[in-house]
Amino acid sequence: MSETISLQELVKLIKKKMLLIIGFAICSAGITAYLSFYLISPVYEAQTQLLVNQKNISEENIWAQMETDLQLISTYNVIIKSPVILNKVIEKLSLQISEEELMNQITVSNESDSKVVNISVRADELQQAVNIANTIAEVFQTEIPNLMSVNNINILSAAKIDQSPNPVEPNITLNIAAAFIIGAMAGIGVAFLREVFDVTIKTEKDIENILQLPVLGMVSSIPFEKEKKSFHKT
């Protein structure tokens, strides 16, 4: 058989090996679904928002103060994940984790030119994520006047527990869809390799390719039952 395969032959191969390809895809999706439902622990996320806004400022200084608040936000983002804040959060909630572990659970972000800081916390339990997020906001609001000699932090929105919470990880639908596609691609690869490395002669076209000679005729095999009946008649 030829060592190369054309696009048209590949399409024919896919149609021919469709059951194999679908089998790979279904098996891959099934294994991923089992892992996602039963073995991978769900991860929940809670979010609280802080507003950086100085109180009791005069009208002539309002624009200058707003610019100062915006410049301080990048500093606040670092302080929120610093040991000064995280140690107090761990102590207050009696968490059995290290600073590094807690830091990895926290994401601090804000939109460009926005005075709102978002604190997102991920944990295995939603209640724990909510408690950590709210405690971080409270501790940061309490400590920032001592650290920066400013009092411009307000809790805009506290984290809450939804009645029907959905975990952010694993994304079961996305995982199964990706596994189905990857499984189908693996099936196509296996079918392609089997076809390329299969050197057995199956059709007259294989003979033409090997011998480089045209096929002039074919001798069909006679089924044994028909051959036996023909012999008895004679």
C-alpha atoms as a PDB file:
ATOM      1  CA  MET A   1       0.000   0.000   0.000  1.00  0.00           C
ATOM      2  CA  SER A   2       1.120   3.576  -0.621  1.00  0.00           C
ATOM      3  CA  GLU A   3       2.973   5.281   2.245  1.00  0.00           C
ATOM      4  CA  THR A   4       1.107   8.548   1.657  1.00  0.00           C
ATOM      5  CA  ILE A   5      -2.597   9.175   1.771  1.00  0.00           C
ATOM      6  CA  SER A   6      -4.559  11.873  -0.019  1.00  0.00           C
ATOM      7  CA  LEU A   7      -7.277  14.052   1.500  1.00  0.00           C
ATOM      8  CA  GLN A   8      -9.928  12.165  -0.435  1.00  0.00           C
ATOM      9  CA  GLU A   9      -8.599   8.855   0.848  1.00  0.00           C
ATOM     10  CA  LEU A  10      -8.504  10.277   4.368  1.00  0.00           C
ATOM     11  CA  VAL A  11     -12.190  11.205   4.142  1.00  0.00           C
ATOM     12  CA  LYS A  12     -12.976   7.704   2.918  1.00  0.00           C
ATOM     13  CA  LEU A  13     -10.880   6.291   5.745  1.00  0.00           C
ATOM     14  CA  ILE A  14     -12.826   8.337   8.317  1.00  0.00           C
ATOM     15  CA  LYS A  15     -16.118   7.080   6.929  1.00  0.00           C
ATOM     16  CA  LYS A  16     -14.792   3.536   6.903  1.00  0.00           C
ATOM     17  CA  LYS A  17     -13.520   3.710  10.478  1.00  0.00           C
ATOM     18  CA  MET A  18     -16.378   5.815  11.843  1.00  0.00           C
ATOM     19  CA  LEU A  19     -17.301   3.246  14.518  1.00  0.00           C
ATOM     20  CA  LEU A  20     -13.707   3.177  15.769  1.00  0.00           C
ATOM     21  CA  ILE A  21     -13.530   6.981  15.901  1.00  0.00           C
ATOM     22  CA  ILE A  22     -16.887   7.324  17.674  1.00  0.00           C
ATOM     23  CA  GLY A  23     -15.838   4.607  20.108  1.00  0.00           C
ATOM     24  CA  PHE A  24     -12.675   6.500  21.030  1.00  0.00           C
ATOM     25  CA  ALA A  25     -14.662   9.743  21.442  1.00  0.00           C
ATOM     26  CA  ILE A  26     -17.341   8.154  23.652  1.00  0.00           C
ATOM     27  CA  CYS A  27     -14.772   6.362  25.819  1.00  0.00           C
ATOM     28  CA  SER A  28     -12.779   9.559  26.292  1.00  0.00           C
ATOM     29  CA  ALA A  29     -15.896  11.573  27.166  1.00  0.00           C
ATOM     30  CA  GLY A  30     -17.111   8.849  29.528  1.00  0.00           C
ATOM     31  CA  ILE A  31     -13.821   8.656  31.431  1.00  0.00           C
ATOM     32  CA  THR A  32     -13.717  12.462  31.734  1.00  0.00           C
ATOM     33  CA  ALA A  33     -17.316  12.583  32.966  1.00  0.00           C
ATOM     34  CA  TYR A  34     -16.557   9.946  35.612  1.00  0.00           C
ATOM     35  CA  LEU A  35     -13.471  11.840  36.785  1.00  0.00           C
ATOM     36  CA  SER A  36     -15.329  15.170  36.843  1.00  0.00           C
ATOM     37  CA  PHE A  37     -18.337  13.835  38.775  1.00  0.00           C
ATOM     38  CA  TYR A  38     -16.722  11.442  41.224  1.00  0.00           C
ATOM     39  CA  LEU A  39     -12.968  12.000  41.585  1.00  0.00           C
ATOM     40  CA  ILE A  40     -12.237  15.708  41.059  1.00  0.00           C
ATOM     41  CA  SER A  41     -13.181  17.833  44.066  1.00  0.00           C
ATOM     42  CA  PRO A  42     -15.391  20.832  43.198  1.00  0.00           C
ATOM     43  CA  VAL A  43     -13.987  24.320  43.737  1.00  0.00           C
ATOM     44  CA  TYR A  44     -16.243  27.230  44.707  1.00  0.00           C
ATOM     45  CA  GLU A  45     -15.581  30.944  44.354  1.00  0.00           C
ATOM     46  CA  ALA A  46     -16.747  33.888  46.448  1.00  0.00           C
ATOM     47  CA  GLN A  47     -16.155  37.547  45.695  1.00  0.00           C
ATOM     48  CA  THR A  48     -16.233  40.739  47.690  1.00  0.00           C
ATOM     49  CA  GLN A  49     -15.719  44.292  46.432  1.00  0.00           C
ATOM     50  CA  LEU A  50     -13.931  47.239  48.003  1.00  0.00           C
ATOM     51  CA  LEU A  51     -14.420  50.870  47.064  1.00  0.00           C
ATOM     52  CA  VAL A  52     -11.360  53.122  47.311  1.00  0.00           C
ATOM     53  CA  ASN A  53     -12.803  56.537  48.103  1.00  0.00           C
ATOM     54  CA  GLN A  54     -11.548  59.206  50.488  1.00  0.00           C
ATOM     55  CA  LYS A  55     -14.197  60.717  52.751  1.00  0.00           C
ATOM     56  CA  ASN A  56     -14.697  64.361  53.716  1.00  0.00           C
ATOM     57  CA  ILE A  57     -12.668  66.079  51.014  1.00  0.00           C
ATOM     58  CA  SER A  58     -13.212  69.580  49.749  1.00  0.00           C
ATOM     59  CA  GLU A  59     -14.565  70.267  46.265  1.00  0.00           C
ATOM     60  CA  GLU A  60     -11.349  71.920  45.100  1.00  0.00           C
ATOM     61  CA  ASN A  61      -9.337  68.814  46.008  1.00  0.00           C
ATOM     62  CA  ILE A  62     -11.780  66.182  44.772  1.00  0.00           C
ATOM     63  CA  TRP A  63     -10.065  65.531  41.407  1.00  0.00           C
ATOM     64  CA  ALA A  64      -6.604  65.389  42.940  1.00  0.00           C
ATOM     65  CA  GLN A  65      -7.837  62.955  45.578  1.00  0.00           C
ATOM     66  CA  MET A  66      -9.514  60.740  42.967  1.00  0.00           C
ATOM     67  CA  GLU A  67      -6.227  60.546  41.063  1.00  0.00           C
ATOM     68  CA  THR A  68      -4.431  59.661  44.300  1.00  0.00           C
ATOM     69  CA  ASP A  69      -6.947  56.909  45.061  1.00  0.00           C
ATOM     70  CA  LEU A  70      -6.462  55.383  41.605  1.00  0.00           C
ATOM     71  CA  GLN A  71      -2.693  55.399  42.020  1.00  0.00           C
ATOM     72  CA  LEU A  72      -2.990  53.703  45.410  1.00  0.00           C
ATOM     73  CA  ILE A  73      -5.053  50.796  44.064  1.00  0.00           C
ATOM     74  CA  SER A  74      -2.036  48.945  42.635  1.00  0.00           C
ATOM     75  CA  THR A  75      -0.393  49.241  46.064  1.00  0.00           C
ATOM     76  CA  TYR A  76      -3.539  47.995  47.771  1.00  0.00           C
ATOM     77  CA  ASN A  77      -3.639  44.961  45.467  1.00  0.00           C
ATOM     78  CA  VAL A  78      -0.209  43.941  46.768  1.00  0.00           C
ATOM     79  CA  ILE A  79      -1.003  44.658  50.417  1.00  0.00           C
ATOM     80  CA  ILE A  80      -4.183  42.541  50.324  1.00  0.00           C
ATOM     81  CA  LYS A  81      -2.077  39.426  49.547  1.00  0.00           C
ATOM     82  CA  SER A  82       0.725  40.339  51.935  1.00  0.00           C
ATOM     83  CA  PRO A  83       1.528  38.418  55.156  1.00  0.00           C
ATOM     84  CA  VAL A  84       0.378  41.416  57.210  1.00  0.00           C
ATOM     85  CA  ILE A  85      -3.205  40.791  56.075  1.00  0.00           C
ATOM     86  CA  LEU A  86      -3.149  37.045  55.470  1.00  0.00           C
ATOM     87  CA  ASN A  87      -1.703  36.155  58.880  1.00  0.00           C
ATOM     88  CA  LYS A  88      -4.526  37.985  60.622  1.00  0.00           C
ATOM     89  CA  VAL A  89      -7.097  36.280  58.372  1.00  0.00           C
ATOM     90  CA  ILE A  90      -5.630  32.835  59.157  1.00  0.00           C
ATOM     91  CA  GLU A  91      -5.597  33.622  62.868  1.00  0.00           C
ATOM     92  CA  LYS A  92      -9.119  35.064  62.885  1.00  0.00           C
ATOM     93  CA  LEU A  93     -10.656  32.091  61.043  1.00  0.00           C
ATOM     94  CA  SER A  94      -8.356  29.453  62.606  1.00  0.00           C
ATOM     95  CA  LEU A  95      -7.408  28.178  59.153  1.00  0.00           C
ATOM     96  CA  GLN A  96      -5.138  25.143  58.937  1.00  0.00           C
ATOM     97  CA  ILE A  97      -3.247  26.434  55.905  1.00  0.00           C
ATOM     98  CA  SER A  98      -0.078  28.434  55.285  1.00  0.00           C
ATOM     99  CA  GLU A  99       0.264  31.965  53.942  1.00  0.00           C
ATOM    100  CA  GLU A 100       1.365  30.635  50.548  1.00  0.00           C
ATOM    101  CA  GLU A 101      -1.634  28.319  50.284  1.00  0.00           C
ATOM    102  CA  LEU A 102      -4.038  31.101  51.191  1.00  0.00           C
ATOM    103  CA  MET A 103      -2.324  33.476  48.772  1.00  0.00           C
ATOM    104  CA  ASN A 104      -2.815  30.986  45.949  1.00  0.00           C
ATOM    105  CA  GLN A 105      -6.549  30.917  46.687  1.00  0.00           C
ATOM    106  CA  ILE A 106      -6.892  34.699  46.319  1.00  0.00           C
ATOM    107  CA  THR A 107      -7.182  36.793  43.170  1.00  0.00           C
ATOM    108  CA  VAL A 108      -7.196  40.592  43.408  1.00  0.00           C
ATOM    109  CA  SER A 109      -8.189  42.656  40.378  1.00  0.00           C
ATOM    110  CA  ASN A 110      -9.768  45.897  39.264  1.00  0.00           C
ATOM    111  CA  GLU A 111     -10.923  47.408  35.997  1.00  0.00           C
ATOM    112  CA  SER A 112      -8.857  50.126  34.356  1.00  0.00           C
ATOM    113  CA  ASP A 113      -9.524  53.563  35.906  1.00  0.00           C
ATOM    114  CA  SER A 114     -11.961  51.983  38.353  1.00  0.00           C
ATOM    115  CA  LYS A 115     -11.886  52.568  42.093  1.00  0.00           C
ATOM    116  CA  VAL A 116     -13.508  49.204  42.803  1.00  0.00           C
ATOM    117  CA  VAL A 117     -11.210  46.364  43.890  1.00  0.00           C
ATOM    118  CA  ASN A 118     -12.463  42.784  43.461  1.00  0.00           C
ATOM    119  CA  ILE A 119     -11.276  40.104  45.870  1.00  0.00           C
ATOM    120  CA  SER A 120     -12.023  36.574  44.649  1.00  0.00           C
ATOM    121  CA  VAL A 121     -11.391  33.524  46.819  1.00  0.00           C
ATOM    122  CA  ARG A 122     -11.559  29.885  45.761  1.00  0.00           C
ATOM    123  CA  ALA A 123     -12.021  27.007  48.191  1.00  0.00           C
ATOM    124  CA  ASP A 124     -13.347  23.444  48.351  1.00  0.00           C
ATOM    125  CA  GLU A 125     -16.394  24.679  50.283  1.00  0.00           C
ATOM    126  CA  LEU A 126     -18.473  27.731  49.423  1.00  0.00           C
ATOM    127  CA  GLN A 127     -18.928  28.720  53.074  1.00  0.00           C
ATOM    128  CA  GLN A 128     -15.166  28.789  53.573  1.00  0.00           C
ATOM    129  CA  ALA A 129     -14.649  30.873  50.423  1.00  0.00           C
ATOM    130  CA  VAL A 130     -17.272  33.385  51.629  1.00  0.00           C
ATOM    131  CA  ASN A 131     -15.760  33.605  55.109  1.00  0.00           C
ATOM    132  CA  ILE A 132     -12.226  34.143  53.773  1.00  0.00           C
ATOM    133  CA  ALA A 133     -13.310  36.795  51.251  1.00  0.00           C
ATOM    134  CA  ASN A 134     -15.290  38.799  53.812  1.00  0.00           C
ATOM    135  CA  THR A 135     -12.584  38.465  56.475  1.00  0.00           C
ATOM    136  CA  ILE A 136      -9.894  39.694  54.076  1.00  0.00           C
ATOM    137  CA  ALA A 137     -12.011  42.755  53.295  1.00  0.00           C
ATOM    138  CA  GLU A 138     -12.642  43.478  56.980  1.00  0.00           C
ATOM    139  CA  VAL A 139      -9.019  43.005  58.029  1.00  0.00           C
ATOM    140  CA  PHE A 140      -7.744  45.120  55.134  1.00  0.00           C
ATOM    141  CA  GLN A 141     -10.208  47.912  55.929  1.00  0.00           C
ATOM    142  CA  THR A 142      -9.067  47.865  59.567  1.00  0.00           C
ATOM    143  CA  GLU A 143      -5.321  47.686  58.905  1.00  0.00           C
ATOM    144  CA  ILE A 144      -4.919  50.094  55.986  1.00  0.00           C
ATOM    145  CA  PRO A 145      -5.178  53.301  58.135  1.00  0.00           C
ATOM    146  CA  ASN A 146      -2.238  52.042  60.232  1.00  0.00           C
ATOM    147  CA  LEU A 147      -0.211  50.965  57.194  1.00  0.00           C
ATOM    148  CA  MET A 148      -0.832  53.907  54.868  1.00  0.00           C
ATOM    149  CA  SER A 149      -2.168  56.655  57.156  1.00  0.00           C
ATOM    150  CA  VAL A 150      -5.269  56.880  54.977  1.00  0.00           C
ATOM    151  CA  ASN A 151      -8.877  55.965  55.534  1.00  0.00           C
ATOM    152  CA  ASN A 152     -10.361  55.516  52.077  1.00  0.00           C
ATOM    153  CA  ILE A 153     -11.535  51.855  52.049  1.00  0.00           C
ATOM    154  CA  ASN A 154     -15.217  50.948  52.082  1.00  0.00           C
ATOM    155  CA  ILE A 155     -16.743  47.486  51.661  1.00  0.00           C
ATOM    156  CA  LEU A 156     -18.938  47.884  48.607  1.00  0.00           C
ATOM    157  CA  SER A 157     -20.292  44.335  48.361  1.00  0.00           C
ATOM    158  CA  ALA A 158     -19.780  41.447  50.760  1.00  0.00           C
ATOM    159  CA  ALA A 159     -19.553  37.842  49.618  1.00  0.00           C
ATOM    160  CA  LYS A 160     -22.755  35.815  50.046  1.00  0.00           C
ATOM    161  CA  ILE A 161     -23.884  32.202  49.738  1.00  0.00           C
ATOM    162  CA  ASP A 162     -26.164  31.495  46.805  1.00  0.00           C
ATOM    163  CA  GLN A 163     -29.142  29.191  47.304  1.00  0.00           C
ATOM    164  CA  SER A 164     -27.989  26.987  44.414  1.00  0.00           C
ATOM    165  CA  PRO A 165     -24.222  27.468  44.139  1.00  0.00           C
ATOM    166  CA  ASN A 166     -22.354  26.091  41.156  1.00  0.00           C
ATOM    167  CA  PRO A 167     -18.660  25.210  41.409  1.00  0.00           C
ATOM    168  CA  VAL A 168     -16.277  27.094  39.130  1.00  0.00           C
ATOM    169  CA  GLU A 169     -14.151  23.967  38.773  1.00  0.00           C
ATOM    170  CA  PRO A 170     -14.355  21.484  37.219  1.00  0.00           C
ATOM    171  CA  ASN A 171     -16.295  22.800  34.225  1.00  0.00           C
ATOM    172  CA  ILE A 172     -17.972  19.471  33.482  1.00  0.00           C
ATOM    173  CA  THR A 173     -19.636  20.475  30.211  1.00  0.00           C
ATOM    174  CA  LEU A 174     -16.446  21.972  28.794  1.00  0.00           C
ATOM    175  CA  ASN A 175     -14.331  19.043  29.975  1.00  0.00           C
ATOM    176  CA  ILE A 176     -16.625  16.443  28.401  1.00  0.00           C
ATOM    177  CA  ALA A 177     -16.836  18.369  25.117  1.00  0.00           C
ATOM    178  CA  ALA A 178     -13.050  18.740  24.971  1.00  0.00           C
ATOM    179  CA  ALA A 179     -12.558  15.060  25.822  1.00  0.00           C
ATOM    180  CA  PHE A 180     -15.010  14.017  23.084  1.00  0.00           C
ATOM    181  CA  ILE A 181     -13.109  16.061  20.487  1.00  0.00           C
ATOM    182  CA  ILE A 182      -9.715  14.812  21.669  1.00  0.00           C
ATOM    183  CA  GLY A 183     -10.994  11.232  21.677  1.00  0.00           C
ATOM    184  CA  ALA A 184     -12.305  11.613  18.120  1.00  0.00           C
ATOM    185  CA  MET A 185      -8.943  13.012  16.997  1.00  0.00           C
ATOM    186  CA  ALA A 186      -7.160  10.111  18.699  1.00  0.00           C
ATOM    187  CA  GLY A 187      -9.482   7.684  16.911  1.00  0.00           C
ATOM    188  CA  ILE A 188      -8.692   9.295  13.564  1.00  0.00           C
ATOM    189  CA  GLY A 189      -4.981   9.059  14.350  1.00  0.00           C
ATOM    190  CA  VAL A 190      -5.208   5.369  15.239  1.00  0.00           C
ATOM    191  CA  ALA A 191      -7.250   4.628  12.118  1.00  0.00           C
ATOM    192  CA  PHE A 192      -4.754   6.541   9.972  1.00  0.00           C
ATOM    193  CA  LEU A 193      -1.754   4.721  11.453  1.00  0.00           C
ATOM    194  CA  ARG A 194      -3.398   1.337  11.047  1.00  0.00           C
ATOM    195  CA  GLU A 195      -4.144   2.121   7.418  1.00  0.00           C
ATOM    196  CA  VAL A 196      -0.662   3.426   6.639  1.00  0.00           C
ATOM    197  CA  PHE A 197       1.248   0.564   8.280  1.00  0.00           C
ATOM    198  CA  ASP A 198      -1.096  -2.170   7.088  1.00  0.00           C
ATOM    199  CA  VAL A 199       0.931  -3.999   4.385  1.00  0.00           C
ATOM    200  CA  THR A 200      -1.532  -6.812   3.740  1.00  0.00           C
ATOM    201  CA  ILE A 201      -3.071  -7.125   0.269  1.00  0.00           C
ATOM    202  CA  LYS A 202      -6.824  -6.753   0.344  1.00  0.00           C
ATOM    203  CA  THR A 203      -7.888  -5.475  -3.071  1.00  0.00           C
ATOM    204  CA  GLU A 204      -6.727  -5.567  -6.679  1.00  0.00           C
ATOM    205  CA  LYS A 205      -5.680  -1.932  -6.285  1.00  0.00           C
ATOM    206  CA  ASP A 206      -3.091  -3.023  -3.693  1.00  0.00           C
ATOM    207  CA  ILE A 207      -1.680  -5.484  -6.261  1.00  0.00           C
ATOM    208  CA  GLU A 208      -1.447  -2.747  -8.883  1.00  0.00           C
ATOM    209  CA  ASN A 209       0.385  -0.480  -6.445  1.00  0.00           C
ATOM    210  CA  ILE A 210       2.881  -3.179  -5.448  1.00  0.00           C
ATOM    211  CA  LEU A 211       3.569  -4.791  -8.833  1.00  0.00           C
ATOM    212  CA  GLN A 212       3.026  -1.661 -10.923  1.00  0.00           C
ATOM    213  CA  LEU A 213       1.060  -3.848 -13.370  1.00  0.00           C
ATOM    214  CA  PRO A 214      -2.585  -3.670 -14.425  1.00  0.00           C
ATOM    215  CA  VAL A 215      -5.009  -6.350 -13.218  1.00  0.00           C
ATOM    216  CA  LEU A 216      -6.392  -8.237 -16.243  1.00  0.00           C
ATOM    217  CA  GLY A 217      -8.931 -10.418 -14.461  1.00  0.00           C
ATOM    218  CA  MET A 218     -10.133 -11.902 -11.185  1.00  0.00           C
ATOM    219  CA  VAL A 219     -10.985 -15.451 -10.120  1.00  0.00           C
ATOM    220  CA  SER A 220     -13.819 -15.442  -7.654  1.00  0.00           C
ATOM    221  CA  SER A 221     -13.962 -18.006  -4.897  1.00  0.00           C
ATOM    222  CA  ILE A 222     -16.828 -20.521  -4.934  1.00  0.00           C
ATOM    223  CA  PRO A 223     -18.591 -21.068  -1.604  1.00  0.00           C
ATOM    224  CA  PHE A 224     -18.182 -24.594  -0.272  1.00  0.00           C
ATOM    225  CA  GLU A 225     -21.932 -25.336  -0.047  1.00  0.00           C
ATOM    226  CA  LYS A 226     -22.558 -24.393  -3.680  1.00  0.00           C
ATOM    227  CA  GLU A 227     -19.528 -26.403  -4.789  1.00  0.00           C
ATOM    228  CA  LYS A 228     -20.818 -29.462  -2.910  1.00  0.00           C
ATOM    229  CA  LYS A 229     -24.310 -29.253  -4.437  1.00  0.00           C
ATOM    230  CA  SER A 230     -22.826 -28.910  -7.923  1.00  0.00           C
ATOM    231  CA  PHE A 231     -20.709 -32.030  -7.377  1.00  0.00           C
ATOM    232  CA  HIS A 232     -23.747 -34.143  -6.315  1.00  0.00           C
ATOM    233  CA  LYS A 233     -25.705 -33.115  -9.408  1.00  0.00           C
ATOM    234  CA  THR A 234     -22.972 -34.342 -11.697  1.00  0.00           C
END
